Amino acid sequence: MSNIVGYARVSKREQNPEAQEAELRAAGASRVFVDHGESSRVKDRPQWLACLDYLRPGDTLMVRRLDRIAGSETMAIQTINELHEAGVNIKSLTEPDIDTTTPMGRALFGIVAVFAQLRVDTIRENTRRGLAHARAQGRVGGRPSVMTPERVKAAVKMREQDISIAEIARTF
């Protein structure tokens, strides 16, 4: 039997998740998991992990908005793909096109996923091309080292005196 499971999240402790929870219950969620004071960019939120563990193939995960489960477009697509592979449908209350329980919703999600992947691949390709160009011009990335030859000698001397690496790092 298919089960509708809700997930609500607020990112700040002073925010109240009760409105989200009430909307999800009114829309048919039999159980609602709520993360309070958790960022959407963190994947291992306590109630999110509990929700994922609770979901079974054929269940529908209902959220008010997709940004409740993921802090970026790429993360949302990845999460939705993982849930789809697990046989879990997704439904958003405020984004009616995101409803993988319908053929049109699955098709629209597939199109969005393709464009999101294209965006990620294009960014990655442009970054590689830019780095290669910079290297060809003799530029290297990264933060300049704070270790001068004198500091390196002092660090080696400290290590020879059995001073811990952590202490040496704090010193420099």
N, C-alpha and C. Protein backbone atom coordinates (compact mmCIF):
# COMPACT_ATOMS: atom_id res chain seq x y z
N MET A 1 0.83 -1.19 0.00
CA MET A 1 0.00 0.00 0.00
C MET A 1 0.88 1.25 0.00
N SER A 2 0.56 2.18 -0.87
CA SER A 2 1.31 3.42 -1.00
C SER A 2 1.04 4.33 0.20
N ASN A 3 2.07 4.98 0.64
CA ASN A 3 2.03 5.82 1.83
C ASN A 3 2.50 7.22 1.45
N ILE A 4 1.84 8.26 1.95
CA ILE A 4 2.31 9.63 1.71
C ILE A 4 3.04 10.09 2.97
N VAL A 5 4.31 10.43 2.78
CA VAL A 5 5.17 10.83 3.88
C VAL A 5 5.59 12.28 3.64
N GLY A 6 5.45 13.12 4.64
CA GLY A 6 5.81 14.53 4.50
C GLY A 6 7.17 14.82 5.10
N TYR A 7 7.81 15.84 4.55
CA TYR A 7 9.06 16.33 5.13
C TYR A 7 9.01 17.85 5.15
N ALA A 8 9.24 18.42 6.32
CA ALA A 8 9.27 19.87 6.50
C ALA A 8 10.61 20.25 7.12
N ARG A 9 11.05 21.49 6.82
CA ARG A 9 12.32 21.95 7.37
C ARG A 9 12.30 23.46 7.47
N VAL A 10 12.83 23.95 8.57
CA VAL A 10 13.12 25.38 8.71
C VAL A 10 14.59 25.51 9.05
N SER A 11 15.23 26.54 8.52
CA SER A 11 16.68 26.65 8.68
C SER A 11 17.11 27.38 9.94
N LYS A 12 16.20 28.12 10.55
CA LYS A 12 16.58 28.86 11.75
C LYS A 12 15.76 28.38 12.94
N ARG A 13 16.41 28.33 14.09
CA ARG A 13 15.76 27.86 15.32
C ARG A 13 14.53 28.69 15.68
N GLU A 14 14.58 30.00 15.37
CA GLU A 14 13.45 30.86 15.76
C GLU A 14 12.26 30.73 14.80
N GLN A 15 12.44 30.03 13.69
CA GLN A 15 11.33 29.81 12.77
C GLN A 15 10.44 28.67 13.27
N ASN A 16 9.19 28.70 12.87
CA ASN A 16 8.23 27.69 13.32
C ASN A 16 7.80 26.82 12.13
N PRO A 17 8.03 25.52 12.19
CA PRO A 17 7.68 24.64 11.07
C PRO A 17 6.23 24.16 11.08
N GLU A 18 5.44 24.62 12.05
CA GLU A 18 4.07 24.10 12.19
C GLU A 18 3.21 24.33 10.96
N ALA A 19 3.35 25.46 10.27
CA ALA A 19 2.53 25.73 9.08
C ALA A 19 2.83 24.72 7.98
N GLN A 20 4.12 24.44 7.77
CA GLN A 20 4.49 23.44 6.76
C GLN A 20 3.90 22.08 7.12
N GLU A 21 4.06 21.71 8.38
CA GLU A 21 3.56 20.42 8.84
C GLU A 21 2.05 20.31 8.64
N ALA A 22 1.32 21.38 8.98
CA ALA A 22 -0.14 21.39 8.82
C ALA A 22 -0.53 21.25 7.35
N GLU A 23 0.18 21.96 6.46
CA GLU A 23 -0.11 21.86 5.02
C GLU A 23 0.10 20.44 4.52
N LEU A 24 1.18 19.82 4.95
CA LEU A 24 1.48 18.45 4.50
C LEU A 24 0.43 17.47 5.00
N ARG A 25 0.02 17.62 6.26
CA ARG A 25 -1.02 16.73 6.81
C ARG A 25 -2.35 16.94 6.09
N ALA A 26 -2.68 18.21 5.81
CA ALA A 26 -3.94 18.51 5.11
C ALA A 26 -3.92 17.94 3.69
N ALA A 27 -2.74 17.81 3.10
CA ALA A 27 -2.62 17.27 1.74
C ALA A 27 -2.55 15.74 1.74
N GLY A 28 -2.62 15.12 2.93
CA GLY A 28 -2.69 13.67 2.98
C GLY A 28 -1.50 12.93 3.57
N ALA A 29 -0.51 13.65 4.08
CA ALA A 29 0.66 12.98 4.66
C ALA A 29 0.26 12.28 5.96
N SER A 30 0.55 10.99 6.03
CA SER A 30 0.21 10.23 7.24
C SER A 30 1.27 10.40 8.32
N ARG A 31 2.48 10.73 7.90
CA ARG A 31 3.59 10.96 8.83
C ARG A 31 4.41 12.12 8.29
N VAL A 32 4.85 13.01 9.16
CA VAL A 32 5.65 14.15 8.73
C VAL A 32 6.93 14.20 9.58
N PHE A 33 8.05 14.27 8.90
CA PHE A 33 9.34 14.43 9.55
C PHE A 33 9.71 15.90 9.47
N VAL A 34 10.20 16.47 10.58
CA VAL A 34 10.47 17.90 10.63
C VAL A 34 11.89 18.16 11.16
N ASP A 35 12.68 18.84 10.37
CA ASP A 35 14.00 19.31 10.82
C ASP A 35 13.86 20.78 11.18
N HIS A 36 14.34 21.12 12.36
CA HIS A 36 14.21 22.47 12.90
C HIS A 36 15.61 23.05 13.07
N GLY A 37 15.88 24.15 12.37
CA GLY A 37 17.19 24.79 12.50
C GLY A 37 18.28 24.09 11.72
N GLU A 38 17.92 23.49 10.58
CA GLU A 38 18.89 22.74 9.77
C GLU A 38 18.98 23.34 8.37
N SER A 39 20.19 23.50 7.87
CA SER A 39 20.41 24.03 6.53
C SER A 39 20.09 22.99 5.47
N SER A 40 19.53 23.44 4.35
CA SER A 40 19.23 22.51 3.27
C SER A 40 20.49 22.07 2.53
N ARG A 41 21.59 22.73 2.76
CA ARG A 41 22.84 22.34 2.09
C ARG A 41 23.53 21.18 2.81
N VAL A 42 23.05 20.84 3.98
CA VAL A 42 23.59 19.71 4.73
C VAL A 42 22.75 18.49 4.40
N LYS A 43 23.41 17.43 3.92
CA LYS A 43 22.66 16.24 3.50
C LYS A 43 22.24 15.36 4.67
N ASP A 44 23.00 15.38 5.75
CA ASP A 44 22.71 14.44 6.84
C ASP A 44 21.97 15.10 8.00
N ARG A 45 20.87 15.78 7.66
CA ARG A 45 20.00 16.34 8.69
C ARG A 45 19.30 15.18 9.40
N PRO A 46 19.15 15.24 10.72
CA PRO A 46 18.63 14.09 11.48
C PRO A 46 17.26 13.58 11.01
N GLN A 47 16.29 14.46 10.86
CA GLN A 47 14.96 14.01 10.48
C GLN A 47 14.89 13.65 8.99
N TRP A 48 15.74 14.27 8.17
CA TRP A 48 15.80 13.91 6.76
C TRP A 48 16.29 12.47 6.63
N LEU A 49 17.33 12.13 7.38
CA LEU A 49 17.85 10.76 7.36
C LEU A 49 16.80 9.78 7.87
N ALA A 50 16.07 10.16 8.92
CA ALA A 50 15.01 9.30 9.45
C ALA A 50 13.91 9.12 8.40
N CYS A 51 13.58 10.19 7.69
CA CYS A 51 12.56 10.14 6.64
C CYS A 51 13.00 9.19 5.53
N LEU A 52 14.24 9.33 5.08
CA LEU A 52 14.75 8.45 4.02
C LEU A 52 14.71 7.00 4.46
N ASP A 53 15.04 6.76 5.71
CA ASP A 53 15.03 5.39 6.24
C ASP A 53 13.60 4.83 6.30
N TYR A 54 12.64 5.69 6.54
CA TYR A 54 11.23 5.30 6.70
C TYR A 54 10.57 5.00 5.36
N LEU A 55 10.98 5.72 4.31
CA LEU A 55 10.34 5.58 2.99
C LEU A 55 10.56 4.19 2.39
N ARG A 56 9.53 3.69 1.74
CA ARG A 56 9.57 2.38 1.08
C ARG A 56 9.19 2.55 -0.38
N PRO A 57 9.57 1.61 -1.25
CA PRO A 57 9.16 1.68 -2.65
C PRO A 57 7.64 1.82 -2.76
N GLY A 58 7.20 2.71 -3.62
CA GLY A 58 5.77 2.97 -3.80
C GLY A 58 5.27 4.14 -2.97
N ASP A 59 6.03 4.55 -1.95
CA ASP A 59 5.64 5.70 -1.13
C ASP A 59 5.82 6.99 -1.93
N THR A 60 5.14 8.03 -1.47
CA THR A 60 5.29 9.37 -2.05
C THR A 60 5.82 10.30 -0.97
N LEU A 61 6.93 10.96 -1.29
CA LEU A 61 7.48 11.97 -0.39
C LEU A 61 6.86 13.29 -0.79
N MET A 62 6.19 13.94 0.14
CA MET A 62 5.54 15.22 -0.12
C MET A 62 6.28 16.32 0.64
N VAL A 63 6.57 17.41 -0.09
CA VAL A 63 7.21 18.58 0.51
C VAL A 63 6.44 19.82 0.09
N ARG A 64 6.58 20.86 0.87
CA ARG A 64 5.92 22.12 0.50
C ARG A 64 6.58 22.69 -0.75
N ARG A 65 7.92 22.75 -0.73
CA ARG A 65 8.73 23.19 -1.87
C ARG A 65 9.97 22.33 -1.93
N LEU A 66 10.54 22.19 -3.12
CA LEU A 66 11.74 21.36 -3.26
C LEU A 66 12.92 21.88 -2.46
N ASP A 67 12.97 23.19 -2.20
CA ASP A 67 14.10 23.72 -1.43
C ASP A 67 14.10 23.24 0.01
N ARG A 68 13.05 22.57 0.44
CA ARG A 68 13.03 21.98 1.77
C ARG A 68 13.96 20.77 1.85
N ILE A 69 14.15 20.06 0.72
CA ILE A 69 14.98 18.85 0.75
C ILE A 69 16.39 19.09 0.24
N ALA A 70 16.59 20.15 -0.54
CA ALA A 70 17.91 20.35 -1.13
C ALA A 70 18.20 21.83 -1.29
N GLY A 71 19.45 22.20 -1.02
CA GLY A 71 19.83 23.61 -1.05
C GLY A 71 20.31 24.11 -2.39
N SER A 72 20.40 23.23 -3.37
CA SER A 72 20.80 23.67 -4.70
C SER A 72 20.06 22.83 -5.73
N GLU A 73 20.02 23.36 -6.93
CA GLU A 73 19.34 22.65 -8.02
C GLU A 73 19.99 21.29 -8.26
N THR A 74 21.31 21.26 -8.28
CA THR A 74 22.02 20.01 -8.51
C THR A 74 21.73 19.00 -7.40
N MET A 75 21.74 19.46 -6.17
CA MET A 75 21.46 18.58 -5.04
C MET A 75 20.03 18.06 -5.11
N ALA A 76 19.09 18.91 -5.54
CA ALA A 76 17.69 18.49 -5.67
C ALA A 76 17.55 17.40 -6.72
N ILE A 77 18.18 17.60 -7.86
CA ILE A 77 18.11 16.62 -8.95
C ILE A 77 18.71 15.29 -8.48
N GLN A 78 19.85 15.36 -7.81
CA GLN A 78 20.51 14.14 -7.32
C GLN A 78 19.61 13.43 -6.32
N THR A 79 19.02 14.17 -5.40
CA THR A 79 18.14 13.59 -4.38
C THR A 79 16.92 12.95 -5.02
N ILE A 80 16.32 13.67 -5.97
CA ILE A 80 15.13 13.14 -6.63
C ILE A 80 15.48 11.88 -7.43
N ASN A 81 16.64 11.89 -8.08
CA ASN A 81 17.09 10.68 -8.80
C ASN A 81 17.26 9.50 -7.85
N GLU A 82 17.89 9.75 -6.70
CA GLU A 82 18.09 8.67 -5.72
C GLU A 82 16.76 8.12 -5.22
N LEU A 83 15.82 9.03 -4.96
CA LEU A 83 14.50 8.59 -4.50
C LEU A 83 13.78 7.83 -5.60
N HIS A 84 13.89 8.30 -6.83
CA HIS A 84 13.25 7.62 -7.96
C HIS A 84 13.80 6.19 -8.10
N GLU A 85 15.15 6.06 -7.99
CA GLU A 85 15.78 4.74 -8.08
C GLU A 85 15.31 3.83 -6.95
N ALA A 86 14.96 4.41 -5.81
CA ALA A 86 14.47 3.63 -4.67
C ALA A 86 12.97 3.34 -4.79
N GLY A 87 12.34 3.83 -5.87
CA GLY A 87 10.92 3.58 -6.07
C GLY A 87 10.01 4.53 -5.31
N VAL A 88 10.56 5.66 -4.88
CA VAL A 88 9.79 6.65 -4.12
C VAL A 88 9.41 7.80 -5.05
N ASN A 89 8.14 8.18 -5.04
CA ASN A 89 7.66 9.32 -5.82
C ASN A 89 7.84 10.60 -5.02
N ILE A 90 7.83 11.73 -5.72
CA ILE A 90 7.98 13.02 -5.05
C ILE A 90 6.87 13.94 -5.52
N LYS A 91 6.32 14.67 -4.57
CA LYS A 91 5.27 15.63 -4.89
C LYS A 91 5.54 16.91 -4.11
N SER A 92 5.49 18.04 -4.83
CA SER A 92 5.67 19.35 -4.20
C SER A 92 4.32 20.05 -4.17
N LEU A 93 3.97 20.62 -3.03
CA LEU A 93 2.68 21.31 -2.92
C LEU A 93 2.65 22.63 -3.69
N THR A 94 3.77 23.34 -3.75
CA THR A 94 3.78 24.66 -4.39
C THR A 94 4.34 24.63 -5.80
N GLU A 95 4.90 23.51 -6.22
CA GLU A 95 5.44 23.35 -7.57
C GLU A 95 4.71 22.17 -8.21
N PRO A 96 3.49 22.40 -8.72
CA PRO A 96 2.65 21.30 -9.17
C PRO A 96 3.24 20.48 -10.31
N ASP A 97 4.19 21.04 -11.05
CA ASP A 97 4.82 20.26 -12.12
C ASP A 97 5.74 19.18 -11.56
N ILE A 98 6.16 19.35 -10.30
CA ILE A 98 7.01 18.34 -9.67
C ILE A 98 6.09 17.36 -8.96
N ASP A 99 5.71 16.35 -9.70
CA ASP A 99 4.85 15.28 -9.17
C ASP A 99 5.18 14.04 -9.96
N THR A 100 6.13 13.27 -9.45
CA THR A 100 6.59 12.10 -10.20
C THR A 100 5.61 10.94 -10.14
N THR A 101 4.43 11.17 -9.56
CA THR A 101 3.41 10.12 -9.58
C THR A 101 2.63 10.15 -10.89
N THR A 102 2.85 11.21 -11.73
CA THR A 102 2.14 11.31 -13.00
C THR A 102 3.14 11.20 -14.16
N PRO A 103 2.68 10.71 -15.31
CA PRO A 103 3.59 10.62 -16.47
C PRO A 103 4.17 11.99 -16.86
N MET A 104 3.34 13.04 -16.86
CA MET A 104 3.83 14.37 -17.22
C MET A 104 4.86 14.87 -16.20
N GLY A 105 4.62 14.63 -14.93
CA GLY A 105 5.56 15.03 -13.89
C GLY A 105 6.90 14.33 -14.05
N ARG A 106 6.89 13.03 -14.37
CA ARG A 106 8.13 12.29 -14.58
C ARG A 106 8.86 12.83 -15.81
N ALA A 107 8.09 13.11 -16.88
CA ALA A 107 8.71 13.64 -18.10
C ALA A 107 9.34 15.01 -17.84
N LEU A 108 8.62 15.90 -17.17
CA LEU A 108 9.15 17.23 -16.88
C LEU A 108 10.38 17.14 -15.98
N PHE A 109 10.33 16.23 -15.03
CA PHE A 109 11.51 16.07 -14.17
C PHE A 109 12.69 15.59 -15.00
N GLY A 110 12.46 14.66 -15.91
CA GLY A 110 13.54 14.16 -16.76
C GLY A 110 14.17 15.28 -17.58
N ILE A 111 13.34 16.16 -18.12
CA ILE A 111 13.85 17.30 -18.90
C ILE A 111 14.67 18.23 -18.02
N VAL A 112 14.16 18.53 -16.85
CA VAL A 112 14.88 19.40 -15.90
C VAL A 112 16.22 18.75 -15.53
N ALA A 113 16.22 17.45 -15.30
CA ALA A 113 17.44 16.74 -14.92
C ALA A 113 18.49 16.82 -16.03
N VAL A 114 18.06 16.68 -17.28
CA VAL A 114 18.98 16.76 -18.41
C VAL A 114 19.63 18.15 -18.47
N PHE A 115 18.82 19.19 -18.33
CA PHE A 115 19.37 20.55 -18.39
C PHE A 115 20.26 20.85 -17.18
N ALA A 116 19.92 20.33 -16.03
CA ALA A 116 20.76 20.54 -14.84
C ALA A 116 22.12 19.86 -15.04
N GLN A 117 22.12 18.66 -15.60
CA GLN A 117 23.38 17.95 -15.84
C GLN A 117 24.20 18.69 -16.89
N LEU A 118 23.54 19.21 -17.93
CA LEU A 118 24.24 19.99 -18.95
C LEU A 118 24.91 21.21 -18.32
N ARG A 119 24.21 21.86 -17.41
CA ARG A 119 24.76 23.03 -16.73
C ARG A 119 25.99 22.66 -15.92
N VAL A 120 25.92 21.56 -15.16
CA VAL A 120 27.05 21.11 -14.35
C VAL A 120 28.23 20.77 -15.26
N ASP A 121 27.98 20.02 -16.33
CA ASP A 121 29.06 19.63 -17.24
C ASP A 121 29.69 20.84 -17.92
N THR A 122 28.89 21.82 -18.30
CA THR A 122 29.40 23.03 -18.95
C THR A 122 30.28 23.83 -17.99
N ILE A 123 29.83 23.97 -16.74
CA ILE A 123 30.63 24.68 -15.73
C ILE A 123 31.96 23.96 -15.52
N ARG A 124 31.92 22.64 -15.41
CA ARG A 124 33.14 21.85 -15.21
C ARG A 124 34.10 22.01 -16.39
N GLU A 125 33.57 21.94 -17.61
CA GLU A 125 34.39 22.08 -18.81
C GLU A 125 35.01 23.47 -18.89
N ASN A 126 34.21 24.50 -18.62
CA ASN A 126 34.73 25.87 -18.65
C ASN A 126 35.80 26.10 -17.59
N THR A 127 35.62 25.50 -16.41
CA THR A 127 36.62 25.62 -15.34
C THR A 127 37.93 24.98 -15.77
N ARG A 128 37.86 23.75 -16.32
CA ARG A 128 39.08 23.07 -16.78
C ARG A 128 39.80 23.89 -17.85
N ARG A 129 39.02 24.43 -18.79
CA ARG A 129 39.60 25.22 -19.88
C ARG A 129 40.28 26.47 -19.31
N GLY A 130 39.63 27.13 -18.36
CA GLY A 130 40.20 28.33 -17.75
C GLY A 130 41.47 28.04 -16.97
N LEU A 131 41.49 26.93 -16.24
CA LEU A 131 42.69 26.54 -15.48
C LEU A 131 43.84 26.20 -16.43
N ALA A 132 43.56 25.48 -17.52
CA ALA A 132 44.59 25.13 -18.48
C ALA A 132 45.17 26.39 -19.11
N HIS A 133 44.31 27.35 -19.43
CA HIS A 133 44.76 28.61 -20.01
C HIS A 133 45.66 29.36 -19.02
N ALA A 134 45.25 29.42 -17.77
CA ALA A 134 46.05 30.11 -16.74
C ALA A 134 47.40 29.43 -16.57
N ARG A 135 47.42 28.09 -16.54
CA ARG A 135 48.70 27.38 -16.40
C ARG A 135 49.61 27.65 -17.60
N ALA A 136 49.02 27.69 -18.80
CA ALA A 136 49.81 27.96 -20.00
C ALA A 136 50.45 29.35 -19.94
N GLN A 137 49.85 30.25 -19.19
CA GLN A 137 50.38 31.60 -19.02
C GLN A 137 51.30 31.70 -17.81
N GLY A 138 51.56 30.55 -17.16
CA GLY A 138 52.49 30.54 -16.04
C GLY A 138 51.86 30.83 -14.68
N ARG A 139 50.56 30.93 -14.65
CA ARG A 139 49.89 31.20 -13.37
C ARG A 139 49.47 29.89 -12.73
N VAL A 140 49.65 29.82 -11.44
CA VAL A 140 49.18 28.66 -10.70
C VAL A 140 48.18 29.14 -9.66
N GLY A 141 47.18 28.32 -9.41
CA GLY A 141 46.15 28.71 -8.45
C GLY A 141 46.58 28.42 -7.03
N GLY A 142 45.71 28.74 -6.13
CA GLY A 142 45.95 28.44 -4.73
C GLY A 142 46.45 29.64 -3.96
N ARG A 143 46.46 29.45 -2.69
CA ARG A 143 46.88 30.50 -1.77
C ARG A 143 48.40 30.52 -1.69
N PRO A 144 49.01 31.70 -1.67
CA PRO A 144 50.48 31.76 -1.54
C PRO A 144 50.93 31.15 -0.20
N SER A 145 52.05 30.49 -0.24
CA SER A 145 52.56 29.85 0.97
C SER A 145 53.07 30.90 1.96
N VAL A 146 52.86 30.65 3.22
CA VAL A 146 53.38 31.54 4.27
C VAL A 146 54.76 31.06 4.73
N MET A 147 55.18 29.91 4.21
CA MET A 147 56.43 29.31 4.66
C MET A 147 57.60 29.80 3.80
N THR A 148 58.42 30.64 4.40
CA THR A 148 59.66 31.09 3.77
C THR A 148 60.72 30.04 4.06
N PRO A 149 61.86 30.08 3.36
CA PRO A 149 62.94 29.11 3.67
C PRO A 149 63.35 29.15 5.14
N GLU A 150 63.36 30.34 5.74
CA GLU A 150 63.73 30.45 7.16
C GLU A 150 62.71 29.75 8.05
N ARG A 151 61.43 29.93 7.74
CA ARG A 151 60.37 29.29 8.53
C ARG A 151 60.42 27.77 8.39
N VAL A 152 60.74 27.29 7.19
CA VAL A 152 60.85 25.84 6.97
C VAL A 152 61.97 25.29 7.85
N LYS A 153 63.10 25.97 7.86
CA LYS A 153 64.23 25.52 8.70
C LYS A 153 63.83 25.49 10.17
N ALA A 154 63.12 26.54 10.62
CA ALA A 154 62.69 26.61 12.03
C ALA A 154 61.71 25.48 12.33
N ALA A 155 60.82 25.17 11.41
CA ALA A 155 59.84 24.09 11.62
C ALA A 155 60.55 22.74 11.71
N VAL A 156 61.53 22.52 10.85
CA VAL A 156 62.29 21.26 10.88
C VAL A 156 63.03 21.14 12.21
N LYS A 157 63.61 22.23 12.65
CA LYS A 157 64.35 22.22 13.93
C LYS A 157 63.39 21.90 15.09
N MET A 158 62.17 22.50 15.06
CA MET A 158 61.18 22.23 16.11
C MET A 158 60.78 20.75 16.10
N ARG A 159 60.63 20.17 14.90
CA ARG A 159 60.23 18.77 14.80
C ARG A 159 61.32 17.86 15.35
N GLU A 160 62.57 18.24 15.10
CA GLU A 160 63.71 17.47 15.62
C GLU A 160 63.74 17.51 17.15
N GLN A 161 63.10 18.54 17.75
CA GLN A 161 63.02 18.66 19.20
C GLN A 161 61.76 17.98 19.74
N ASP A 162 61.14 17.13 18.92
CA ASP A 162 59.93 16.37 19.27
C ASP A 162 58.72 17.25 19.59
N ILE A 163 58.65 18.42 18.99
CA ILE A 163 57.46 19.26 19.12
C ILE A 163 56.43 18.73 18.13
N SER A 164 55.19 18.63 18.58
CA SER A 164 54.15 18.03 17.73
C SER A 164 53.89 18.86 16.48
N ILE A 165 53.42 18.18 15.44
CA ILE A 165 53.10 18.86 14.19
C ILE A 165 51.99 19.89 14.42
N ALA A 166 51.04 19.56 15.27
CA ALA A 166 49.94 20.50 15.57
C ALA A 166 50.49 21.78 16.20
N GLU A 167 51.44 21.64 17.11
CA GLU A 167 52.04 22.80 17.77
C GLU A 167 52.85 23.62 16.78
N ILE A 168 53.58 22.95 15.88
CA ILE A 168 54.35 23.64 14.87
C ILE A 168 53.42 24.42 13.93
N ALA A 169 52.31 23.80 13.57
CA ALA A 169 51.32 24.46 12.69
C ALA A 169 50.75 25.69 13.37
N ARG A 170 50.43 25.57 14.66
CA ARG A 170 49.91 26.74 15.38
C ARG A 170 50.94 27.87 15.43
N THR A 171 52.21 27.52 15.56
CA THR A 171 53.27 28.51 15.64
C THR A 171 53.38 29.30 14.33
N PHE A 172 53.25 28.59 13.22
CA PHE A 172 53.44 29.25 11.92
C PHE A 172 52.12 29.63 11.30
